[in-house]
Amino acid sequence: MKAAIRSIGNSKGVIIPASFLAETGLEGEVEMTMRDHEIVISPSKEQPRKGWFDGYQVELDSDPWEDFVVLPEEEEEWEW
């Protein structure tokens, strides 16, 4: 499949068809490398938040907002 290289700000980009993304499972962040003068896109190996809640038991957390502090300037009523 041919694809056009497009300008995106000061960079360039290529639109990846949804069917390619679905078949490869790519989403979110990806790793991009050069190999033999080719651009290779692969799933990101790092998952920065993976494991944050492993072992967390919500039923044991009686008051999750216990240490939350409301600043005086935040006590005023919000206007949208």
PDB file of N, CA and C in Angstrom:
ATOM      1  N   MET A   1       0.845  -1.177   0.000  1.00  0.00           N
ATOM      2  CA  MET A   1       0.000   0.000   0.000  1.00  0.00           C
ATOM      3  C   MET A   1       0.887   1.235   0.000  1.00  0.00           C
ATOM      4  N   LYS A   2       0.574   2.187  -0.823  1.00  0.00           N
ATOM      5  CA  LYS A   2       1.281   3.458  -0.847  1.00  0.00           C
ATOM      6  C   LYS A   2       0.549   4.435   0.059  1.00  0.00           C
ATOM      7  N   ALA A   3       1.326   5.319   0.693  1.00  0.00           N
ATOM      8  CA  ALA A   3       0.750   6.346   1.553  1.00  0.00           C
ATOM      9  C   ALA A   3       1.530   7.632   1.341  1.00  0.00           C
ATOM     10  N   ALA A   4       0.867   8.745   1.467  1.00  0.00           N
ATOM     11  CA  ALA A   4       1.506  10.046   1.296  1.00  0.00           C
ATOM     12  C   ALA A   4       2.115  10.514   2.611  1.00  0.00           C
ATOM     13  N   ILE A   5       3.280  11.136   2.507  1.00  0.00           N
ATOM     14  CA  ILE A   5       3.900  11.768   3.675  1.00  0.00           C
ATOM     15  C   ILE A   5       3.338  13.182   3.742  1.00  0.00           C
ATOM     16  N   ARG A   6       2.770  13.534   4.894  1.00  0.00           N
ATOM     17  CA  ARG A   6       2.092  14.821   5.053  1.00  0.00           C
ATOM     18  C   ARG A   6       2.829  15.696   6.052  1.00  0.00           C
ATOM     19  N   SER A   7       2.682  16.992   5.899  1.00  0.00           N
ATOM     20  CA  SER A   7       3.258  17.938   6.851  1.00  0.00           C
ATOM     21  C   SER A   7       2.354  18.030   8.068  1.00  0.00           C
ATOM     22  N   ILE A   8       2.981  17.952   9.244  1.00  0.00           N
ATOM     23  CA  ILE A   8       2.273  18.115  10.515  1.00  0.00           C
ATOM     24  C   ILE A   8       3.131  19.062  11.347  1.00  0.00           C
ATOM     25  N   GLY A   9       2.802  20.349  11.323  1.00  0.00           N
ATOM     26  CA  GLY A   9       3.643  21.336  11.986  1.00  0.00           C
ATOM     27  C   GLY A   9       5.016  21.354  11.331  1.00  0.00           C
ATOM     28  N   ASN A  10       6.078  21.235  12.152  1.00  0.00           N
ATOM     29  CA  ASN A  10       7.441  21.193  11.634  1.00  0.00           C
ATOM     30  C   ASN A  10       7.878  19.774  11.313  1.00  0.00           C
ATOM     31  N   SER A  11       6.996  18.812  11.471  1.00  0.00           N
ATOM     32  CA  SER A  11       7.329  17.404  11.253  1.00  0.00           C
ATOM     33  C   SER A  11       6.582  16.867  10.045  1.00  0.00           C
ATOM     34  N   LYS A  12       6.723  15.587   9.831  1.00  0.00           N
ATOM     35  CA  LYS A  12       6.014  14.894   8.754  1.00  0.00           C
ATOM     36  C   LYS A  12       5.303  13.698   9.358  1.00  0.00           C
ATOM     37  N   GLY A  13       4.249  13.222   8.699  1.00  0.00           N
ATOM     38  CA  GLY A  13       3.500  12.084   9.222  1.00  0.00           C
ATOM     39  C   GLY A  13       2.872  11.277   8.112  1.00  0.00           C
ATOM     40  N   VAL A  14       2.460  10.080   8.455  1.00  0.00           N
ATOM     41  CA  VAL A  14       1.782   9.175   7.538  1.00  0.00           C
ATOM     42  C   VAL A  14       0.511   8.703   8.227  1.00  0.00           C
ATOM     43  N   ILE A  15      -0.606   8.711   7.533  1.00  0.00           N
ATOM     44  CA  ILE A  15      -1.861   8.207   8.081  1.00  0.00           C
ATOM     45  C   ILE A  15      -1.821   6.681   8.022  1.00  0.00           C
ATOM     46  N   ILE A  16      -2.039   6.038   9.169  1.00  0.00           N
ATOM     47  CA  ILE A  16      -2.067   4.574   9.229  1.00  0.00           C
ATOM     48  C   ILE A  16      -3.529   4.143   9.186  1.00  0.00           C
ATOM     49  N   PRO A  17      -3.913   3.356   8.198  1.00  0.00           N
ATOM     50  CA  PRO A  17      -5.312   2.927   8.091  1.00  0.00           C
ATOM     51  C   PRO A  17      -5.778   2.164   9.337  1.00  0.00           C
ATOM     52  N   ALA A  18      -7.038   2.359   9.692  1.00  0.00           N
ATOM     53  CA  ALA A  18      -7.615   1.697  10.866  1.00  0.00           C
ATOM     54  C   ALA A  18      -7.488   0.187  10.776  1.00  0.00           C
ATOM     55  N   SER A  19      -7.595  -0.364   9.579  1.00  0.00           N
ATOM     56  CA  SER A  19      -7.478  -1.824   9.427  1.00  0.00           C
ATOM     57  C   SER A  19      -6.084  -2.310   9.811  1.00  0.00           C
ATOM     58  N   PHE A  20      -5.045  -1.520   9.518  1.00  0.00           N
ATOM     59  CA  PHE A  20      -3.682  -1.887   9.914  1.00  0.00           C
ATOM     60  C   PHE A  20      -3.562  -1.869  11.438  1.00  0.00           C
ATOM     61  N   LEU A  21      -4.113  -0.818  12.056  1.00  0.00           N
ATOM     62  CA  LEU A  21      -4.035  -0.703  13.514  1.00  0.00           C
ATOM     63  C   LEU A  21      -4.788  -1.839  14.188  1.00  0.00           C
ATOM     64  N   ALA A  22      -5.953  -2.176  13.668  1.00  0.00           N
ATOM     65  CA  ALA A  22      -6.747  -3.258  14.254  1.00  0.00           C
ATOM     66  C   ALA A  22      -6.017  -4.591  14.145  1.00  0.00           C
ATOM     67  N   GLU A  23      -5.417  -4.842  12.993  1.00  0.00           N
ATOM     68  CA  GLU A  23      -4.740  -6.124  12.790  1.00  0.00           C
ATOM     69  C   GLU A  23      -3.473  -6.248  13.630  1.00  0.00           C
ATOM     70  N   THR A  24      -2.765  -5.137  13.831  1.00  0.00           N
ATOM     71  CA  THR A  24      -1.515  -5.180  14.596  1.00  0.00           C
ATOM     72  C   THR A  24      -1.732  -4.981  16.088  1.00  0.00           C
ATOM     73  N   GLY A  25      -2.880  -4.397  16.472  1.00  0.00           N
ATOM     74  CA  GLY A  25      -3.140  -4.138  17.883  1.00  0.00           C
ATOM     75  C   GLY A  25      -2.423  -2.905  18.401  1.00  0.00           C
ATOM     76  N   LEU A  26      -1.860  -2.089  17.514  1.00  0.00           N
ATOM     77  CA  LEU A  26      -1.160  -0.886  17.955  1.00  0.00           C
ATOM     78  C   LEU A  26      -2.158   0.153  18.444  1.00  0.00           C
ATOM     79  N   GLU A  27      -1.833   0.792  19.569  1.00  0.00           N
ATOM     80  CA  GLU A  27      -2.646   1.889  20.088  1.00  0.00           C
ATOM     81  C   GLU A  27      -1.818   2.657  21.088  1.00  0.00           C
ATOM     82  N   GLY A  28      -2.220   3.871  21.384  1.00  0.00           N
ATOM     83  CA  GLY A  28      -1.496   4.691  22.352  1.00  0.00           C
ATOM     84  C   GLY A  28      -0.099   5.008  21.863  1.00  0.00           C
ATOM     85  N   GLU A  29       0.893   4.800  22.710  1.00  0.00           N
ATOM     86  CA  GLU A  29       2.280   5.076  22.346  1.00  0.00           C
ATOM     87  C   GLU A  29       2.905   3.890  21.636  1.00  0.00           C
ATOM     88  N   VAL A  30       3.809   4.183  20.710  1.00  0.00           N
ATOM     89  CA  VAL A  30       4.533   3.151  19.974  1.00  0.00           C
ATOM     90  C   VAL A  30       6.020   3.472  20.003  1.00  0.00           C
ATOM     91  N   GLU A  31       6.834   2.482  19.709  1.00  0.00           N
ATOM     92  CA  GLU A  31       8.273   2.670  19.542  1.00  0.00           C
ATOM     93  C   GLU A  31       8.536   2.825  18.051  1.00  0.00           C
ATOM     94  N   MET A  32       9.372   3.797  17.686  1.00  0.00           N
ATOM     95  CA  MET A  32       9.718   3.988  16.291  1.00  0.00           C
ATOM     96  C   MET A  32      11.237   3.926  16.174  1.00  0.00           C
ATOM     97  N   THR A  33      11.733   3.043  15.312  1.00  0.00           N
ATOM     98  CA  THR A  33      13.170   2.853  15.137  1.00  0.00           C
ATOM     99  C   THR A  33      13.507   2.821  13.650  1.00  0.00           C
ATOM    100  N   MET A  34      14.803   2.909  13.360  1.00  0.00           N
ATOM    101  CA  MET A  34      15.306   2.787  11.990  1.00  0.00           C
ATOM    102  C   MET A  34      16.031   1.458  11.878  1.00  0.00           C
ATOM    103  N   ARG A  35      15.752   0.716  10.807  1.00  0.00           N
ATOM    104  CA  ARG A  35      16.445  -0.547  10.560  1.00  0.00           C
ATOM    105  C   ARG A  35      16.673  -0.673   9.056  1.00  0.00           C
ATOM    106  N   ASP A  36      17.933  -0.727   8.653  1.00  0.00           N
ATOM    107  CA  ASP A  36      18.278  -0.853   7.227  1.00  0.00           C
ATOM    108  C   ASP A  36      17.556   0.183   6.368  1.00  0.00           C
ATOM    109  N   HIS A  37      17.605   1.437   6.785  1.00  0.00           N
ATOM    110  CA  HIS A  37      16.991   2.557   6.062  1.00  0.00           C
ATOM    111  C   HIS A  37      15.470   2.442   5.962  1.00  0.00           C
ATOM    112  N   GLU A  38      14.851   1.727   6.890  1.00  0.00           N
ATOM    113  CA  GLU A  38      13.393   1.618   6.951  1.00  0.00           C
ATOM    114  C   GLU A  38      12.910   2.070   8.325  1.00  0.00           C
ATOM    115  N   ILE A  39      11.746   2.652   8.370  1.00  0.00           N
ATOM    116  CA  ILE A  39      11.131   3.049   9.638  1.00  0.00           C
ATOM    117  C   ILE A  39      10.306   1.874  10.142  1.00  0.00           C
ATOM    118  N   VAL A  40      10.567   1.461  11.387  1.00  0.00           N
ATOM    119  CA  VAL A  40       9.854   0.329  11.987  1.00  0.00           C
ATOM    120  C   VAL A  40       9.040   0.853  13.165  1.00  0.00           C
ATOM    121  N   ILE A  41       7.748   0.584  13.163  1.00  0.00           N
ATOM    122  CA  ILE A  41       6.853   0.991  14.253  1.00  0.00           C
ATOM    123  C   ILE A  41       6.402  -0.267  14.977  1.00  0.00           C
ATOM    124  N   SER A  42       6.604  -0.295  16.302  1.00  0.00           N
ATOM    125  CA  SER A  42       6.232  -1.470  17.094  1.00  0.00           C
ATOM    126  C   SER A  42       5.578  -1.018  18.399  1.00  0.00           C
ATOM    127  N   PRO A  43       4.882  -1.931  19.088  1.00  0.00           N
ATOM    128  CA  PRO A  43       4.236  -1.558  20.354  1.00  0.00           C
ATOM    129  C   PRO A  43       5.260  -1.059  21.367  1.00  0.00           C
ATOM    130  N   SER A  44       4.871  -0.092  22.170  1.00  0.00           N
ATOM    131  CA  SER A  44       5.742   0.423  23.217  1.00  0.00           C
ATOM    132  C   SER A  44       5.945  -0.644  24.278  1.00  0.00           C
ATOM    133  N   LYS A  45       7.183  -0.847  24.669  1.00  0.00           N
ATOM    134  CA  LYS A  45       7.485  -1.852  25.691  1.00  0.00           C
ATOM    135  C   LYS A  45       7.206  -1.314  27.085  1.00  0.00           C
ATOM    136  N   GLU A  46       7.273  -0.005  27.208  1.00  0.00           N
ATOM    137  CA  GLU A  46       7.060   0.601  28.522  1.00  0.00           C
ATOM    138  C   GLU A  46       5.583   0.898  28.737  1.00  0.00           C
ATOM    139  N   GLN A  47       5.100   0.528  29.874  1.00  0.00           N
ATOM    140  CA  GLN A  47       3.748   0.880  30.291  1.00  0.00           C
ATOM    141  C   GLN A  47       3.900   1.564  31.644  1.00  0.00           C
ATOM    142  N   PRO A  48       4.069   2.889  31.629  1.00  0.00           N
ATOM    143  CA  PRO A  48       4.439   3.614  32.841  1.00  0.00           C
ATOM    144  C   PRO A  48       3.521   3.415  34.039  1.00  0.00           C
ATOM    145  N   ARG A  49       2.247   3.138  33.823  1.00  0.00           N
ATOM    146  CA  ARG A  49       1.319   2.991  34.954  1.00  0.00           C
ATOM    147  C   ARG A  49       0.972   1.540  35.248  1.00  0.00           C
ATOM    148  N   LYS A  50       1.608   0.630  34.545  1.00  0.00           N
ATOM    149  CA  LYS A  50       1.306  -0.785  34.753  1.00  0.00           C
ATOM    150  C   LYS A  50       1.678  -1.184  36.183  1.00  0.00           C
ATOM    151  N   GLY A  51       0.757  -1.818  36.865  1.00  0.00           N
ATOM    152  CA  GLY A  51       1.020  -2.318  38.203  1.00  0.00           C
ATOM    153  C   GLY A  51       0.739  -1.339  39.326  1.00  0.00           C
ATOM    154  N   TRP A  52       0.316  -0.117  39.002  1.00  0.00           N
ATOM    155  CA  TRP A  52       0.062   0.860  40.053  1.00  0.00           C
ATOM    156  C   TRP A  52      -0.945   0.358  41.080  1.00  0.00           C
ATOM    157  N   PHE A  53      -1.948  -0.362  40.649  1.00  0.00           N
ATOM    158  CA  PHE A  53      -2.995  -0.784  41.563  1.00  0.00           C
ATOM    159  C   PHE A  53      -2.982  -2.283  41.832  1.00  0.00           C
ATOM    160  N   ASP A  54      -1.904  -2.945  41.463  1.00  0.00           N
ATOM    161  CA  ASP A  54      -1.791  -4.369  41.784  1.00  0.00           C
ATOM    162  C   ASP A  54      -1.812  -4.536  43.305  1.00  0.00           C
ATOM    163  N   GLY A  55      -2.664  -5.358  43.799  1.00  0.00           N
ATOM    164  CA  GLY A  55      -2.745  -5.605  45.231  1.00  0.00           C
ATOM    165  C   GLY A  55      -3.588  -4.596  45.993  1.00  0.00           C
ATOM    166  N   TYR A  56      -4.057  -3.551  45.320  1.00  0.00           N
ATOM    167  CA  TYR A  56      -4.900  -2.564  45.992  1.00  0.00           C
ATOM    168  C   TYR A  56      -6.264  -3.171  46.275  1.00  0.00           C
ATOM    169  N   GLN A  57      -6.702  -3.041  47.514  1.00  0.00           N
ATOM    170  CA  GLN A  57      -8.000  -3.584  47.909  1.00  0.00           C
ATOM    171  C   GLN A  57      -8.873  -2.430  48.384  1.00  0.00           C
ATOM    172  N   VAL A  58      -9.779  -2.022  47.521  1.00  0.00           N
ATOM    173  CA  VAL A  58     -10.614  -0.863  47.800  1.00  0.00           C
ATOM    174  C   VAL A  58     -11.404  -1.028  49.096  1.00  0.00           C
ATOM    175  N   GLU A  59     -11.809  -2.250  49.404  1.00  0.00           N
ATOM    176  CA  GLU A  59     -12.602  -2.460  50.619  1.00  0.00           C
ATOM    177  C   GLU A  59     -11.807  -2.187  51.900  1.00  0.00           C
ATOM    178  N   LEU A  60     -10.477  -2.193  51.825  1.00  0.00           N
ATOM    179  CA  LEU A  60      -9.647  -1.907  52.993  1.00  0.00           C
ATOM    180  C   LEU A  60      -9.321  -0.419  53.118  1.00  0.00           C
ATOM    181  N   ASP A  61      -9.641   0.354  52.103  1.00  0.00           N
ATOM    182  CA  ASP A  61      -9.357   1.787  52.103  1.00  0.00           C
ATOM    183  C   ASP A  61     -10.606   2.514  52.580  1.00  0.00           C
ATOM    184  N   SER A  62     -10.703   2.729  53.899  1.00  0.00           N
ATOM    185  CA  SER A  62     -11.925   3.284  54.482  1.00  0.00           C
ATOM    186  C   SER A  62     -12.204   4.713  54.027  1.00  0.00           C
ATOM    187  N   ASP A  63     -11.168   5.517  53.857  1.00  0.00           N
ATOM    188  CA  ASP A  63     -11.368   6.903  53.430  1.00  0.00           C
ATOM    189  C   ASP A  63     -10.242   7.300  52.479  1.00  0.00           C
ATOM    190  N   PRO A  64     -10.413   7.037  51.186  1.00  0.00           N
ATOM    191  CA  PRO A  64      -9.341   7.330  50.240  1.00  0.00           C
ATOM    192  C   PRO A  64      -9.012   8.815  50.119  1.00  0.00           C
ATOM    193  N   TRP A  65      -9.899   9.698  50.544  1.00  0.00           N
ATOM    194  CA  TRP A  65      -9.663  11.142  50.461  1.00  0.00           C
ATOM    195  C   TRP A  65      -9.222  11.730  51.806  1.00  0.00           C
ATOM    196  N   GLU A  66      -8.839  10.891  52.744  1.00  0.00           N
ATOM    197  CA  GLU A  66      -8.486  11.332  54.094  1.00  0.00           C
ATOM    198  C   GLU A  66      -7.413  12.420  54.092  1.00  0.00           C
ATOM    199  N   ASP A  67      -6.395  12.291  53.265  1.00  0.00           N
ATOM    200  CA  ASP A  67      -5.281  13.241  53.249  1.00  0.00           C
ATOM    201  C   ASP A  67      -5.487  14.386  52.257  1.00  0.00           C
ATOM    202  N   PHE A  68      -6.633  14.435  51.613  1.00  0.00           N
ATOM    203  CA  PHE A  68      -6.909  15.473  50.626  1.00  0.00           C
ATOM    204  C   PHE A  68      -7.127  16.800  51.336  1.00  0.00           C
ATOM    205  N   VAL A  69      -6.431  17.835  50.886  1.00  0.00           N
ATOM    206  CA  VAL A  69      -6.535  19.156  51.498  1.00  0.00           C
ATOM    207  C   VAL A  69      -7.192  20.111  50.509  1.00  0.00           C
ATOM    208  N   VAL A  70      -8.232  20.794  50.951  1.00  0.00           N
ATOM    209  CA  VAL A  70      -8.888  21.806  50.126  1.00  0.00           C
ATOM    210  C   VAL A  70      -8.287  23.154  50.495  1.00  0.00           C
ATOM    211  N   LEU A  71      -7.699  23.813  49.516  1.00  0.00           N
ATOM    212  CA  LEU A  71      -7.097  25.121  49.750  1.00  0.00           C
ATOM    213  C   LEU A  71      -8.188  26.182  49.841  1.00  0.00           C
ATOM    214  N   PRO A  72      -7.942  27.257  50.623  1.00  0.00           N
ATOM    215  CA  PRO A  72      -8.969  28.294  50.791  1.00  0.00           C
ATOM    216  C   PRO A  72      -9.473  28.854  49.459  1.00  0.00           C
ATOM    217  N   GLU A  73      -8.559  29.058  48.502  1.00  0.00           N
ATOM    218  CA  GLU A  73      -8.992  29.620  47.218  1.00  0.00           C
ATOM    219  C   GLU A  73      -9.838  28.636  46.407  1.00  0.00           C
ATOM    220  N   GLU A  74      -9.810  27.376  46.796  1.00  0.00           N
ATOM    221  CA  GLU A  74     -10.623  26.379  46.108  1.00  0.00           C
ATOM    222  C   GLU A  74     -12.010  26.229  46.730  1.00  0.00           C
ATOM    223  N   GLU A  75     -12.197  26.821  47.915  1.00  0.00           N
ATOM    224  CA  GLU A  75     -13.476  26.694  48.603  1.00  0.00           C
ATOM    225  C   GLU A  75     -14.551  27.592  48.005  1.00  0.00           C
ATOM    226  N   GLU A  76     -14.124  28.606  47.246  1.00  0.00           N
ATOM    227  CA  GLU A  76     -15.104  29.484  46.621  1.00  0.00           C
ATOM    228  C   GLU A  76     -15.896  28.692  45.587  1.00  0.00           C
ATOM    229  N   GLU A  77     -17.107  29.127  45.386  1.00  0.00           N
ATOM    230  CA  GLU A  77     -17.972  28.424  44.433  1.00  0.00           C
ATOM    231  C   GLU A  77     -17.444  28.593  43.010  1.00  0.00           C
ATOM    232  N   TRP A  78     -17.410  27.489  42.288  1.00  0.00           N
ATOM    233  CA  TRP A  78     -16.936  27.502  40.903  1.00  0.00           C
ATOM    234  C   TRP A  78     -18.009  28.074  39.997  1.00  0.00           C
ATOM    235  N   GLU A  79     -17.579  28.822  38.990  1.00  0.00           N
ATOM    236  CA  GLU A  79     -18.489  29.316  37.967  1.00  0.00           C
ATOM    237  C   GLU A  79     -18.016  28.786  36.635  1.00  0.00           C
ATOM    238  N   TRP A  80     -18.933  28.224  35.861  1.00  0.00           N
ATOM    239  CA  TRP A  80     -18.580  27.677  34.546  1.00  0.00           C
ATOM    240  C   TRP A  80     -19.144  28.537  33.466  1.00  0.00           C
TER     241      TRP A  80
END
